[in-house]
């Protein structure tokens, strides 16, 4: 999604909010201060991680028990500093996988026609290395068994929708990327609710499955069908609004140590700005304003904070730049505001 950077031209970016909480007319009492990265173990965009580290106190991710991620130098540095943490997958609840499995069991032929692993030759290979090791098929997305409910792998393998893979004593299930991402969206949503986390991602994902996480809705998302739900047909599905945030110029080349210095010098300012934007967005959605009006209004309400953040960056010898990001929210239920920048030129 192309948005506009008021200072430096086009910016590729969006931000995503997911989850099930109260109706939007009830503004939440507290904002989660811990971000939950998904759908992968390894963060795919180091520049996005630097951005997230500015605005979130802690970023956690779901890591299989006894698994050691092969992190980038940037991720390793943030992990050593306590900014990036691991959440054990062994304690995960898989309640939402029941609806997913129901689709696999009741519509196996339709799913196999589109997502059957025997058709992998028709799928594009991914350029990013898999967490499942160098021998993993680059056309499949692999989920570790710790991320799967009991019997999940058996059902998908039985119906030709998954393939087992083992490396270094770790067991994985390979499947079509679309199947894996829908499953991980549902899992991230459930885990975020239970653990009071705030889902964030650097990927473009099928979040429509979360509007009504039933077997029917999951099927519609997987096959690209319009919703048959009267409730979803009468809402905007998601409300979006573009708002400004502040980053250092040339963020891709800003050293991790400089981001850590910024966090140490101003431990609350950027975090409070993120929470403030989230609160204002929730309040304005409660009035059922249009997306355009929401974006303009949020900009007005955070204008003074933007200028203050720019001064903070200058004080540590960083050149500030404003970029627009997209907030996306369920039009009916309230959930915390998440942030996402796509990889590429968004933060460069």
C-alpha atoms as a PDB file:
ATOM      1  CA  UNK A   1       0.000   0.000   0.000  1.00  0.00           C
ATOM      2  CA  UNK A   2       1.498   3.299  -1.023  1.00  0.00           C
ATOM      3  CA  UNK A   3       1.119   6.169   1.394  1.00  0.00           C
ATOM      4  CA  UNK A   4       2.593   9.646   1.396  1.00  0.00           C
ATOM      5  CA  UNK A   5       5.566  10.884   3.332  1.00  0.00           C
ATOM      6  CA  UNK A   6       5.055  14.605   3.877  1.00  0.00           C
ATOM      7  CA  UNK A   7       8.795  15.303   3.703  1.00  0.00           C
ATOM      8  CA  UNK A   8      10.388  12.748   1.425  1.00  0.00           C
ATOM      9  CA  UNK A   9       7.783  11.533  -1.030  1.00  0.00           C
ATOM     10  CA  UNK A  10       6.211   8.065  -1.396  1.00  0.00           C
ATOM     11  CA  UNK A  11       6.419   5.577   1.441  1.00  0.00           C
ATOM     12  CA  UNK A  12       5.354   1.948   1.328  1.00  0.00           C
ATOM     13  CA  UNK A  13       3.680   1.069   4.582  1.00  0.00           C
ATOM     14  CA  UNK A  14       0.663  -0.020   6.521  1.00  0.00           C
ATOM     15  CA  UNK A  15      -0.221  -0.818  10.092  1.00  0.00           C
ATOM     16  CA  UNK A  16      -2.478  -3.571  11.313  1.00  0.00           C
ATOM     17  CA  UNK A  17      -4.721  -4.058  14.302  1.00  0.00           C
ATOM     18  CA  UNK A  18      -6.194  -7.456  15.171  1.00  0.00           C
ATOM     19  CA  UNK A  19      -8.117  -9.041  17.996  1.00  0.00           C
ATOM     20  CA  UNK A  20     -11.487  -9.471  19.679  1.00  0.00           C
ATOM     21  CA  UNK A  21     -12.329  -7.189  22.562  1.00  0.00           C
ATOM     22  CA  UNK A  22     -15.268  -4.965  23.423  1.00  0.00           C
ATOM     23  CA  UNK A  23     -17.501  -2.917  21.124  1.00  0.00           C
ATOM     24  CA  UNK A  24     -15.759   0.210  19.905  1.00  0.00           C
ATOM     25  CA  UNK A  25     -17.945   2.487  21.986  1.00  0.00           C
ATOM     26  CA  UNK A  26     -16.090   1.223  25.066  1.00  0.00           C
ATOM     27  CA  UNK A  27     -12.583   2.607  24.924  1.00  0.00           C
ATOM     28  CA  UNK A  28     -10.126   0.164  26.437  1.00  0.00           C
ATOM     29  CA  UNK A  29      -8.884   0.760  29.959  1.00  0.00           C
ATOM     30  CA  UNK A  30      -5.253  -0.080  29.254  1.00  0.00           C
ATOM     31  CA  UNK A  31      -2.963  -0.479  26.300  1.00  0.00           C
ATOM     32  CA  UNK A  32      -0.704  -3.500  26.060  1.00  0.00           C
ATOM     33  CA  UNK A  33       2.933  -2.443  26.252  1.00  0.00           C
ATOM     34  CA  UNK A  34       4.293  -5.706  24.833  1.00  0.00           C
ATOM     35  CA  UNK A  35       4.280  -6.257  21.074  1.00  0.00           C
ATOM     36  CA  UNK A  36       3.885  -9.787  19.697  1.00  0.00           C
ATOM     37  CA  UNK A  37       5.637 -10.384  16.373  1.00  0.00           C
ATOM     38  CA  UNK A  38       4.117 -12.908  13.967  1.00  0.00           C
ATOM     39  CA  UNK A  39       3.740 -14.994  11.799  1.00  0.00           C
ATOM     40  CA  UNK A  40       7.388 -16.089  11.691  1.00  0.00           C
ATOM     41  CA  UNK A  41      10.053 -16.909  14.257  1.00  0.00           C
ATOM     42  CA  UNK A  42      12.714 -14.785  12.576  1.00  0.00           C
ATOM     43  CA  UNK A  43      11.983 -11.119  11.995  1.00  0.00           C
ATOM     44  CA  UNK A  44      12.317 -10.594   8.264  1.00  0.00           C
ATOM     45  CA  UNK A  45      13.077  -6.859   8.123  1.00  0.00           C
ATOM     46  CA  UNK A  46      15.833  -5.409  10.331  1.00  0.00           C
ATOM     47  CA  UNK A  47      14.775  -1.835   9.554  1.00  0.00           C
ATOM     48  CA  UNK A  48      11.226  -2.592  10.659  1.00  0.00           C
ATOM     49  CA  UNK A  49      12.625  -4.023  13.901  1.00  0.00           C
ATOM     50  CA  UNK A  50      14.522  -0.788  14.557  1.00  0.00           C
ATOM     51  CA  UNK A  51      11.287   1.133  14.045  1.00  0.00           C
ATOM     52  CA  UNK A  52       9.350  -1.207  16.337  1.00  0.00           C
ATOM     53  CA  UNK A  53      12.062  -0.940  19.000  1.00  0.00           C
ATOM     54  CA  UNK A  54      11.557   2.817  19.050  1.00  0.00           C
ATOM     55  CA  UNK A  55       7.838   2.610  19.753  1.00  0.00           C
ATOM     56  CA  UNK A  56       7.522  -0.558  21.861  1.00  0.00           C
ATOM     57  CA  UNK A  57       9.239  -1.338  25.205  1.00  0.00           C
ATOM     58  CA  UNK A  58       9.398  -5.070  24.424  1.00  0.00           C
ATOM     59  CA  UNK A  59       8.780  -7.150  21.307  1.00  0.00           C
ATOM     60  CA  UNK A  60       8.189 -10.855  21.862  1.00  0.00           C
ATOM     61  CA  UNK A  61       7.781 -13.724  19.408  1.00  0.00           C
ATOM     62  CA  UNK A  62       6.670 -17.350  19.546  1.00  0.00           C
ATOM     63  CA  UNK A  63       9.705 -19.671  19.661  1.00  0.00           C
ATOM     64  CA  UNK A  64       9.600 -23.492  19.927  1.00  0.00           C
ATOM     65  CA  UNK A  65      10.961 -24.950  23.132  1.00  0.00           C
ATOM     66  CA  UNK A  66      14.730 -25.648  22.940  1.00  0.00           C
ATOM     67  CA  UNK A  67      14.902 -24.059  19.479  1.00  0.00           C
ATOM     68  CA  UNK A  68      17.702 -21.519  18.927  1.00  0.00           C
ATOM     69  CA  UNK A  69      16.756 -18.930  16.283  1.00  0.00           C
ATOM     70  CA  UNK A  70      19.378 -18.088  13.658  1.00  0.00           C
ATOM     71  CA  UNK A  71      18.866 -14.355  14.107  1.00  0.00           C
ATOM     72  CA  UNK A  72      20.337 -11.516  12.121  1.00  0.00           C
ATOM     73  CA  UNK A  73      22.971  -9.327  13.779  1.00  0.00           C
ATOM     74  CA  UNK A  74      20.319  -6.649  14.403  1.00  0.00           C
ATOM     75  CA  UNK A  75      17.879  -9.107  16.013  1.00  0.00           C
ATOM     76  CA  UNK A  76      20.680 -10.595  18.119  1.00  0.00           C
ATOM     77  CA  UNK A  77      21.724  -7.183  19.383  1.00  0.00           C
ATOM     78  CA  UNK A  78      18.161  -6.285  20.367  1.00  0.00           C
ATOM     79  CA  UNK A  79      17.722  -9.714  21.990  1.00  0.00           C
ATOM     80  CA  UNK A  80      20.888  -9.221  24.059  1.00  0.00           C
ATOM     81  CA  UNK A  81      19.576  -5.824  25.146  1.00  0.00           C
ATOM     82  CA  UNK A  82      16.259  -7.339  26.301  1.00  0.00           C
ATOM     83  CA  UNK A  83      14.193  -5.562  23.639  1.00  0.00           C
ATOM     84  CA  UNK A  84      13.437  -8.724  21.642  1.00  0.00           C
ATOM     85  CA  UNK A  85      12.290 -11.644  23.780  1.00  0.00           C
ATOM     86  CA  UNK A  86      11.086 -15.206  23.202  1.00  0.00           C
ATOM     87  CA  UNK A  87       7.715 -16.621  24.217  1.00  0.00           C
ATOM     88  CA  UNK A  88       7.659 -20.390  24.554  1.00  0.00           C
ATOM     89  CA  UNK A  89       5.337 -22.067  22.072  1.00  0.00           C
ATOM     90  CA  UNK A  90       4.882 -24.954  24.521  1.00  0.00           C
ATOM     91  CA  UNK A  91       2.404 -22.882  26.570  1.00  0.00           C
ATOM     92  CA  UNK A  92       0.266 -21.867  23.586  1.00  0.00           C
ATOM     93  CA  UNK A  93      -3.483 -22.400  23.455  1.00  0.00           C
ATOM     94  CA  UNK A  94      -4.856 -23.608  20.110  1.00  0.00           C
ATOM     95  CA  UNK A  95      -8.577 -23.041  20.567  1.00  0.00           C
ATOM     96  CA  UNK A  96      -9.014 -21.344  17.187  1.00  0.00           C
ATOM     97  CA  UNK A  97      -7.469 -24.263  15.291  1.00  0.00           C
ATOM     98  CA  UNK A  98     -10.706 -26.231  15.733  1.00  0.00           C
ATOM     99  CA  UNK A  99     -12.439 -24.049  13.121  1.00  0.00           C
ATOM    100  CA  UNK A 100      -9.416 -24.334  10.839  1.00  0.00           C
ATOM    101  CA  UNK A 101      -9.376 -28.118  11.155  1.00  0.00           C
ATOM    102  CA  UNK A 102     -13.117 -28.253  10.505  1.00  0.00           C
ATOM    103  CA  UNK A 103     -12.487 -26.670   7.103  1.00  0.00           C
ATOM    104  CA  UNK A 104      -9.730 -29.205   6.341  1.00  0.00           C
ATOM    105  CA  UNK A 105     -11.924 -32.168   7.318  1.00  0.00           C
ATOM    106  CA  UNK A 106     -15.147 -31.051   5.615  1.00  0.00           C
ATOM    107  CA  UNK A 107     -13.709 -29.592   2.395  1.00  0.00           C
ATOM    108  CA  UNK A 108     -10.524 -31.576   1.718  1.00  0.00           C
ATOM    109  CA  UNK A 109     -11.031 -31.941  -2.042  1.00  0.00           C
ATOM    110  CA  UNK A 110     -11.541 -28.213  -2.605  1.00  0.00           C
ATOM    111  CA  UNK A 111      -8.570 -27.342  -0.420  1.00  0.00           C
ATOM    112  CA  UNK A 112      -6.368 -29.956  -2.068  1.00  0.00           C
ATOM    113  CA  UNK A 113      -7.187 -28.539  -5.523  1.00  0.00           C
ATOM    114  CA  UNK A 114      -5.780 -25.186  -4.435  1.00  0.00           C
ATOM    115  CA  UNK A 115      -3.377 -25.962  -1.609  1.00  0.00           C
ATOM    116  CA  UNK A 116      -2.421 -29.632  -2.011  1.00  0.00           C
ATOM    117  CA  UNK A 117       1.333 -30.075  -1.554  1.00  0.00           C
ATOM    118  CA  UNK A 118       1.504 -32.228  -4.690  1.00  0.00           C
ATOM    119  CA  UNK A 119       0.870 -28.988  -6.632  1.00  0.00           C
ATOM    120  CA  UNK A 120       3.930 -27.229  -5.202  1.00  0.00           C
ATOM    121  CA  UNK A 121       5.602 -27.053  -8.618  1.00  0.00           C
ATOM    122  CA  UNK A 122       3.031 -24.366  -9.489  1.00  0.00           C
ATOM    123  CA  UNK A 123       3.875 -22.226  -6.459  1.00  0.00           C
ATOM    124  CA  UNK A 124       6.479 -19.504  -6.220  1.00  0.00           C
ATOM    125  CA  UNK A 125       9.612 -20.138  -4.188  1.00  0.00           C
ATOM    126  CA  UNK A 126      10.379 -17.728  -1.334  1.00  0.00           C
ATOM    127  CA  UNK A 127      13.634 -15.809  -1.351  1.00  0.00           C
ATOM    128  CA  UNK A 128      13.858 -15.785   2.456  1.00  0.00           C
ATOM    129  CA  UNK A 129      15.512 -18.857   4.070  1.00  0.00           C
ATOM    130  CA  UNK A 130      13.190 -21.092   6.094  1.00  0.00           C
ATOM    131  CA  UNK A 131      13.505 -21.639   9.832  1.00  0.00           C
ATOM    132  CA  UNK A 132      13.220 -25.349   9.007  1.00  0.00           C
ATOM    133  CA  UNK A 133      16.769 -25.489   7.654  1.00  0.00           C
ATOM    134  CA  UNK A 134      18.489 -25.367   4.257  1.00  0.00           C
ATOM    135  CA  UNK A 135      16.876 -28.626   3.089  1.00  0.00           C
ATOM    136  CA  UNK A 136      13.367 -27.186   3.463  1.00  0.00           C
ATOM    137  CA  UNK A 137      11.352 -26.680   0.287  1.00  0.00           C
ATOM    138  CA  UNK A 138      11.369 -22.909  -0.462  1.00  0.00           C
ATOM    139  CA  UNK A 139       7.844 -23.162  -1.876  1.00  0.00           C
ATOM    140  CA  UNK A 140       6.377 -24.255   1.471  1.00  0.00           C
ATOM    141  CA  UNK A 141       5.902 -22.431   4.754  1.00  0.00           C
ATOM    142  CA  UNK A 142       6.922 -24.536   7.736  1.00  0.00           C
ATOM    143  CA  UNK A 143       5.313 -24.465  11.165  1.00  0.00           C
ATOM    144  CA  UNK A 144       7.092 -26.077  14.094  1.00  0.00           C
ATOM    145  CA  UNK A 145       5.131 -28.833  15.845  1.00  0.00           C
ATOM    146  CA  UNK A 146       5.144 -26.750  19.041  1.00  0.00           C
ATOM    147  CA  UNK A 147       2.896 -24.278  17.212  1.00  0.00           C
ATOM    148  CA  UNK A 148       0.359 -26.934  16.215  1.00  0.00           C
ATOM    149  CA  UNK A 149      -2.546 -28.389  18.123  1.00  0.00           C
ATOM    150  CA  UNK A 150      -2.662 -32.105  18.835  1.00  0.00           C
ATOM    151  CA  UNK A 151      -3.632 -33.982  15.695  1.00  0.00           C
ATOM    152  CA  UNK A 152      -3.300 -30.911  13.442  1.00  0.00           C
ATOM    153  CA  UNK A 153      -0.332 -32.272  11.489  1.00  0.00           C
ATOM    154  CA  UNK A 154      -1.963 -35.702  11.142  1.00  0.00           C
ATOM    155  CA  UNK A 155      -5.121 -34.230   9.586  1.00  0.00           C
ATOM    156  CA  UNK A 156      -3.285 -32.004   7.105  1.00  0.00           C
ATOM    157  CA  UNK A 157      -0.890 -34.762   6.040  1.00  0.00           C
ATOM    158  CA  UNK A 158      -3.782 -37.228   5.673  1.00  0.00           C
ATOM    159  CA  UNK A 159      -5.597 -34.855   3.321  1.00  0.00           C
ATOM    160  CA  UNK A 160      -2.535 -33.932   1.280  1.00  0.00           C
ATOM    161  CA  UNK A 161      -2.341 -30.412   2.692  1.00  0.00           C
ATOM    162  CA  UNK A 162       0.872 -30.814   4.667  1.00  0.00           C
ATOM    163  CA  UNK A 163       4.251 -32.503   4.541  1.00  0.00           C
ATOM    164  CA  UNK A 164       6.354 -33.551   7.524  1.00  0.00           C
ATOM    165  CA  UNK A 165       9.937 -32.353   7.747  1.00  0.00           C
ATOM    166  CA  UNK A 166      12.587 -33.034  10.393  1.00  0.00           C
ATOM    167  CA  UNK A 167      15.983 -31.408  10.887  1.00  0.00           C
ATOM    168  CA  UNK A 168      18.322 -31.421  13.874  1.00  0.00           C
ATOM    169  CA  UNK A 169      15.769 -33.231  16.043  1.00  0.00           C
ATOM    170  CA  UNK A 170      13.090 -30.573  15.334  1.00  0.00           C
ATOM    171  CA  UNK A 171       9.794 -31.536  13.662  1.00  0.00           C
ATOM    172  CA  UNK A 172       8.062 -29.218  11.200  1.00  0.00           C
ATOM    173  CA  UNK A 173       4.970 -29.265   9.002  1.00  0.00           C
ATOM    174  CA  UNK A 174       5.288 -27.723   5.531  1.00  0.00           C
ATOM    175  CA  UNK A 175       2.212 -26.373   3.764  1.00  0.00           C
ATOM    176  CA  UNK A 176       1.012 -23.762   1.291  1.00  0.00           C
ATOM    177  CA  UNK A 177       1.963 -20.278   2.560  1.00  0.00           C
ATOM    178  CA  UNK A 178      -1.670 -19.087   2.534  1.00  0.00           C
ATOM    179  CA  UNK A 179      -2.779 -21.954   4.781  1.00  0.00           C
ATOM    180  CA  UNK A 180       0.077 -21.264   7.193  1.00  0.00           C
ATOM    181  CA  UNK A 181      -0.515 -17.520   7.414  1.00  0.00           C
ATOM    182  CA  UNK A 182      -4.255 -17.838   8.070  1.00  0.00           C
ATOM    183  CA  UNK A 183      -3.521 -20.360  10.818  1.00  0.00           C
ATOM    184  CA  UNK A 184      -0.864 -18.088  12.339  1.00  0.00           C
ATOM    185  CA  UNK A 185      -3.180 -15.066  12.230  1.00  0.00           C
ATOM    186  CA  UNK A 186      -5.730 -17.028  14.252  1.00  0.00           C
ATOM    187  CA  UNK A 187      -3.073 -18.283  16.653  1.00  0.00           C
ATOM    188  CA  UNK A 188      -1.581 -14.805  17.118  1.00  0.00           C
ATOM    189  CA  UNK A 189      -5.009 -13.377  17.826  1.00  0.00           C
ATOM    190  CA  UNK A 190      -5.791 -16.010  20.465  1.00  0.00           C
ATOM    191  CA  UNK A 191      -2.391 -15.742  22.113  1.00  0.00           C
ATOM    192  CA  UNK A 192      -2.518 -11.941  22.177  1.00  0.00           C
ATOM    193  CA  UNK A 193      -5.891 -12.049  23.922  1.00  0.00           C
ATOM    194  CA  UNK A 194      -4.762 -14.563  26.513  1.00  0.00           C
ATOM    195  CA  UNK A 195      -1.401 -12.985  27.294  1.00  0.00           C
ATOM    196  CA  UNK A 196      -2.398  -9.301  26.861  1.00  0.00           C
ATOM    197  CA  UNK A 197      -0.035  -8.859  23.923  1.00  0.00           C
ATOM    198  CA  UNK A 198      -0.327  -6.563  20.942  1.00  0.00           C
ATOM    199  CA  UNK A 199       0.087  -8.319  17.533  1.00  0.00           C
ATOM    200  CA  UNK A 200       2.519  -6.634  15.119  1.00  0.00           C
ATOM    201  CA  UNK A 201       3.983  -7.836  11.830  1.00  0.00           C
ATOM    202  CA  UNK A 202       6.223  -6.799   8.948  1.00  0.00           C
ATOM    203  CA  UNK A 203       4.192  -8.894   6.488  1.00  0.00           C
ATOM    204  CA  UNK A 204       0.969  -8.407   4.530  1.00  0.00           C
ATOM    205  CA  UNK A 205      -1.397 -11.012   5.957  1.00  0.00           C
ATOM    206  CA  UNK A 206      -5.046 -12.156   5.495  1.00  0.00           C
ATOM    207  CA  UNK A 207      -6.447 -10.490   8.612  1.00  0.00           C
ATOM    208  CA  UNK A 208     -10.043 -10.678   7.326  1.00  0.00           C
ATOM    209  CA  UNK A 209     -10.147 -14.183   8.815  1.00  0.00           C
ATOM    210  CA  UNK A 210     -10.130 -12.548  12.247  1.00  0.00           C
ATOM    211  CA  UNK A 211     -13.302 -10.540  11.736  1.00  0.00           C
ATOM    212  CA  UNK A 212     -15.347 -13.656  12.446  1.00  0.00           C
ATOM    213  CA  UNK A 213     -13.023 -16.634  13.130  1.00  0.00           C
ATOM    214  CA  UNK A 214     -15.477 -19.354  12.131  1.00  0.00           C
ATOM    215  CA  UNK A 215     -15.061 -22.202   9.659  1.00  0.00           C
ATOM    216  CA  UNK A 216     -17.234 -20.337   7.123  1.00  0.00           C
ATOM    217  CA  UNK A 217     -15.174 -17.148   7.369  1.00  0.00           C
ATOM    218  CA  UNK A 218     -11.864 -19.022   7.183  1.00  0.00           C
ATOM    219  CA  UNK A 219     -13.112 -20.775   4.037  1.00  0.00           C
ATOM    220  CA  UNK A 220     -14.127 -17.452   2.480  1.00  0.00           C
ATOM    221  CA  UNK A 221     -10.713 -15.940   3.154  1.00  0.00           C
ATOM    222  CA  UNK A 222      -8.806 -18.954   1.828  1.00  0.00           C
ATOM    223  CA  UNK A 223     -10.796 -19.011  -1.413  1.00  0.00           C
ATOM    224  CA  UNK A 224     -11.131 -15.243  -1.823  1.00  0.00           C
ATOM    225  CA  UNK A 225     -14.926 -15.309  -1.520  1.00  0.00           C
ATOM    226  CA  UNK A 226     -17.151 -12.421  -0.356  1.00  0.00           C
ATOM    227  CA  UNK A 227     -18.548 -12.777   3.132  1.00  0.00           C
ATOM    228  CA  UNK A 228     -21.968 -14.367   3.520  1.00  0.00           C
ATOM    229  CA  UNK A 229     -22.281 -13.063   7.063  1.00  0.00           C
ATOM    230  CA  UNK A 230     -24.967 -10.331   7.373  1.00  0.00           C
ATOM    231  CA  UNK A 231     -22.966  -8.738  10.173  1.00  0.00           C
ATOM    232  CA  UNK A 232     -19.833  -8.470   8.064  1.00  0.00           C
ATOM    233  CA  UNK A 233     -21.779  -7.280   5.010  1.00  0.00           C
ATOM    234  CA  UNK A 234     -23.220  -4.360   6.958  1.00  0.00           C
ATOM    235  CA  UNK A 235     -19.873  -3.137   8.356  1.00  0.00           C
ATOM    236  CA  UNK A 236     -16.813  -1.668   6.699  1.00  0.00           C
ATOM    237  CA  UNK A 237     -14.915  -4.808   7.700  1.00  0.00           C
ATOM    238  CA  UNK A 238     -11.882  -2.745   8.657  1.00  0.00           C
ATOM    239  CA  UNK A 239     -11.585   0.975   9.226  1.00  0.00           C
ATOM    240  CA  UNK A 240      -8.266   2.391   8.061  1.00  0.00           C
ATOM    241  CA  UNK A 241      -6.619   5.725   8.677  1.00  0.00           C
ATOM    242  CA  UNK A 242      -3.255   7.179   7.716  1.00  0.00           C
ATOM    243  CA  UNK A 243      -1.380   8.997  10.474  1.00  0.00           C
ATOM    244  CA  UNK A 244       2.090  10.425  10.822  1.00  0.00           C
ATOM    245  CA  UNK A 245       4.941   9.005  12.880  1.00  0.00           C
ATOM    246  CA  UNK A 246       8.566  10.074  13.277  1.00  0.00           C
ATOM    247  CA  UNK A 247      11.658   8.045  12.378  1.00  0.00           C
ATOM    248  CA  UNK A 248      15.346   8.898  11.961  1.00  0.00           C
ATOM    249  CA  UNK A 249      16.427   9.699   8.424  1.00  0.00           C
ATOM    250  CA  UNK A 250      18.141   6.697   6.846  1.00  0.00           C
ATOM    251  CA  UNK A 251      16.828   4.322   9.493  1.00  0.00           C
ATOM    252  CA  UNK A 252      18.237   1.260   7.696  1.00  0.00           C
ATOM    253  CA  UNK A 253      21.749   2.573   8.325  1.00  0.00           C
ATOM    254  CA  UNK A 254      21.188   3.835  11.884  1.00  0.00           C
ATOM    255  CA  UNK A 255      23.195   1.574  14.256  1.00  0.00           C
ATOM    256  CA  UNK A 256      21.304  -0.522  16.784  1.00  0.00           C
ATOM    257  CA  UNK A 257      23.325   1.201  19.504  1.00  0.00           C
ATOM    258  CA  UNK A 258      21.833   4.543  18.467  1.00  0.00           C
ATOM    259  CA  UNK A 259      18.296   3.167  18.797  1.00  0.00           C
ATOM    260  CA  UNK A 260      19.201   1.774  22.224  1.00  0.00           C
ATOM    261  CA  UNK A 261      20.612   5.174  23.196  1.00  0.00           C
ATOM    262  CA  UNK A 262      17.349   6.781  22.130  1.00  0.00           C
ATOM    263  CA  UNK A 263      15.385   4.319  24.263  1.00  0.00           C
ATOM    264  CA  UNK A 264      17.626   4.919  27.269  1.00  0.00           C
ATOM    265  CA  UNK A 265      17.586   8.706  26.950  1.00  0.00           C
ATOM    266  CA  UNK A 266      13.831   8.954  26.369  1.00  0.00           C
ATOM    267  CA  UNK A 267      12.408   5.748  27.886  1.00  0.00           C
ATOM    268  CA  UNK A 268       8.738   6.742  27.666  1.00  0.00           C
ATOM    269  CA  UNK A 269       8.222   9.394  24.993  1.00  0.00           C
ATOM    270  CA  UNK A 270       7.911   7.198  21.891  1.00  0.00           C
ATOM    271  CA  UNK A 271       5.975   4.530  23.788  1.00  0.00           C
ATOM    272  CA  UNK A 272       3.508   7.131  25.064  1.00  0.00           C
ATOM    273  CA  UNK A 273       3.066   8.527  21.573  1.00  0.00           C
ATOM    274  CA  UNK A 274       2.110   5.080  20.237  1.00  0.00           C
ATOM    275  CA  UNK A 275      -0.387   4.575  23.046  1.00  0.00           C
ATOM    276  CA  UNK A 276      -1.773   8.082  22.533  1.00  0.00           C
ATOM    277  CA  UNK A 277      -2.356   7.454  18.819  1.00  0.00           C
ATOM    278  CA  UNK A 278      -4.093   4.183  19.682  1.00  0.00           C
ATOM    279  CA  UNK A 279      -6.385   5.844  22.212  1.00  0.00           C
ATOM    280  CA  UNK A 280      -7.336   8.660  19.840  1.00  0.00           C
ATOM    281  CA  UNK A 281      -7.982   6.196  17.027  1.00  0.00           C
ATOM    282  CA  UNK A 282     -10.262   4.088  19.241  1.00  0.00           C
ATOM    283  CA  UNK A 283     -12.200   7.119  20.447  1.00  0.00           C
ATOM    284  CA  UNK A 284     -12.749   8.454  16.951  1.00  0.00           C
ATOM    285  CA  UNK A 285     -13.865   5.054  15.650  1.00  0.00           C
ATOM    286  CA  UNK A 286     -16.453   4.993  18.400  1.00  0.00           C
ATOM    287  CA  UNK A 287     -18.087   7.965  16.690  1.00  0.00           C
ATOM    288  CA  UNK A 288     -18.253   6.024  13.413  1.00  0.00           C
ATOM    289  CA  UNK A 289     -16.290   8.712  11.550  1.00  0.00           C
ATOM    290  CA  UNK A 290     -15.077   7.929   8.067  1.00  0.00           C
ATOM    291  CA  UNK A 291     -11.537   6.745   7.570  1.00  0.00           C
ATOM    292  CA  UNK A 292     -10.504  10.057   6.033  1.00  0.00           C
ATOM    293  CA  UNK A 293     -11.868  12.038   8.959  1.00  0.00           C
ATOM    294  CA  UNK A 294     -10.241   9.691  11.446  1.00  0.00           C
ATOM    295  CA  UNK A 295      -6.832  10.147   9.831  1.00  0.00           C
ATOM    296  CA  UNK A 296      -7.113  13.939   9.736  1.00  0.00           C
ATOM    297  CA  UNK A 297      -8.385  14.099  13.310  1.00  0.00           C
ATOM    298  CA  UNK A 298      -5.648  11.845  14.695  1.00  0.00           C
ATOM    299  CA  UNK A 299      -3.039  13.984  12.945  1.00  0.00           C
ATOM    300  CA  UNK A 300      -4.480  17.080  14.611  1.00  0.00           C
ATOM    301  CA  UNK A 301      -4.531  15.440  18.038  1.00  0.00           C
ATOM    302  CA  UNK A 302      -0.910  14.267  17.898  1.00  0.00           C
ATOM    303  CA  UNK A 303       0.664  17.243  16.106  1.00  0.00           C
ATOM    304  CA  UNK A 304       2.374  18.607  19.214  1.00  0.00           C
ATOM    305  CA  UNK A 305       3.731  15.163  20.112  1.00  0.00           C
ATOM    306  CA  UNK A 306       5.207  14.750  16.627  1.00  0.00           C
ATOM    307  CA  UNK A 307       7.157  17.980  16.962  1.00  0.00           C
ATOM    308  CA  UNK A 308       8.365  16.907  20.399  1.00  0.00           C
ATOM    309  CA  UNK A 309       9.583  13.538  19.066  1.00  0.00           C
ATOM    310  CA  UNK A 310      11.466  15.313  16.308  1.00  0.00           C
ATOM    311  CA  UNK A 311      13.243  17.407  18.938  1.00  0.00           C
ATOM    312  CA  UNK A 312      14.132  14.234  20.835  1.00  0.00           C
ATOM    313  CA  UNK A 313      15.779  12.755  17.737  1.00  0.00           C
ATOM    314  CA  UNK A 314      17.738  15.929  17.075  1.00  0.00           C
ATOM    315  CA  UNK A 315      19.009  15.946  20.663  1.00  0.00           C
ATOM    316  CA  UNK A 316      20.795  12.624  20.046  1.00  0.00           C
ATOM    317  CA  UNK A 317      22.116  13.810  16.672  1.00  0.00           C
ATOM    318  CA  UNK A 318      19.567  12.008  14.487  1.00  0.00           C
ATOM    319  CA  UNK A 319      17.768  13.759  11.624  1.00  0.00           C
ATOM    320  CA  UNK A 320      13.990  13.314  11.996  1.00  0.00           C
ATOM    321  CA  UNK A 321      11.699  12.319   9.162  1.00  0.00           C
ATOM    322  CA  UNK A 322       7.928  11.973   9.205  1.00  0.00           C
ATOM    323  CA  UNK A 323       6.300   8.981   7.542  1.00  0.00           C
ATOM    324  CA  UNK A 324       2.640   8.088   7.210  1.00  0.00           C
ATOM    325  CA  UNK A 325       1.502   4.670   8.355  1.00  0.00           C
ATOM    326  CA  UNK A 326      -1.858   3.009   8.091  1.00  0.00           C
ATOM    327  CA  UNK A 327      -3.839   1.960  11.128  1.00  0.00           C
ATOM    328  CA  UNK A 328      -6.366  -0.794  10.477  1.00  0.00           C
ATOM    329  CA  UNK A 329      -9.130  -1.740  12.902  1.00  0.00           C
ATOM    330  CA  UNK A 330     -12.191  -3.950  13.081  1.00  0.00           C
ATOM    331  CA  UNK A 331     -15.181  -1.655  12.617  1.00  0.00           C
ATOM    332  CA  UNK A 332     -17.301  -3.460  15.220  1.00  0.00           C
ATOM    333  CA  UNK A 333     -14.991  -4.751  17.945  1.00  0.00           C
ATOM    334  CA  UNK A 334     -12.184  -2.929  19.666  1.00  0.00           C
ATOM    335  CA  UNK A 335      -8.639  -4.195  19.818  1.00  0.00           C
ATOM    336  CA  UNK A 336      -5.238  -2.569  20.347  1.00  0.00           C
ATOM    337  CA  UNK A 337      -3.617  -0.690  17.485  1.00  0.00           C
ATOM    338  CA  UNK A 338      -0.788  -2.537  15.778  1.00  0.00           C
ATOM    339  CA  UNK A 339       1.910  -1.248  13.461  1.00  0.00           C
ATOM    340  CA  UNK A 340       3.341  -2.753  10.299  1.00  0.00           C
ATOM    341  CA  UNK A 341       5.783  -1.507   7.688  1.00  0.00           C
ATOM    342  CA  UNK A 342       6.239  -3.581   4.589  1.00  0.00           C
ATOM    343  CA  UNK A 343       9.763  -4.466   3.651  1.00  0.00           C
ATOM    344  CA  UNK A 344      11.406  -2.477   0.867  1.00  0.00           C
ATOM    345  CA  UNK A 345      11.772   1.263   0.739  1.00  0.00           C
ATOM    346  CA  UNK A 346       9.289   2.081   3.508  1.00  0.00           C
ATOM    347  CA  UNK A 347      11.798   3.061   6.186  1.00  0.00           C
ATOM    348  CA  UNK A 348      14.942   3.555   4.140  1.00  0.00           C
END
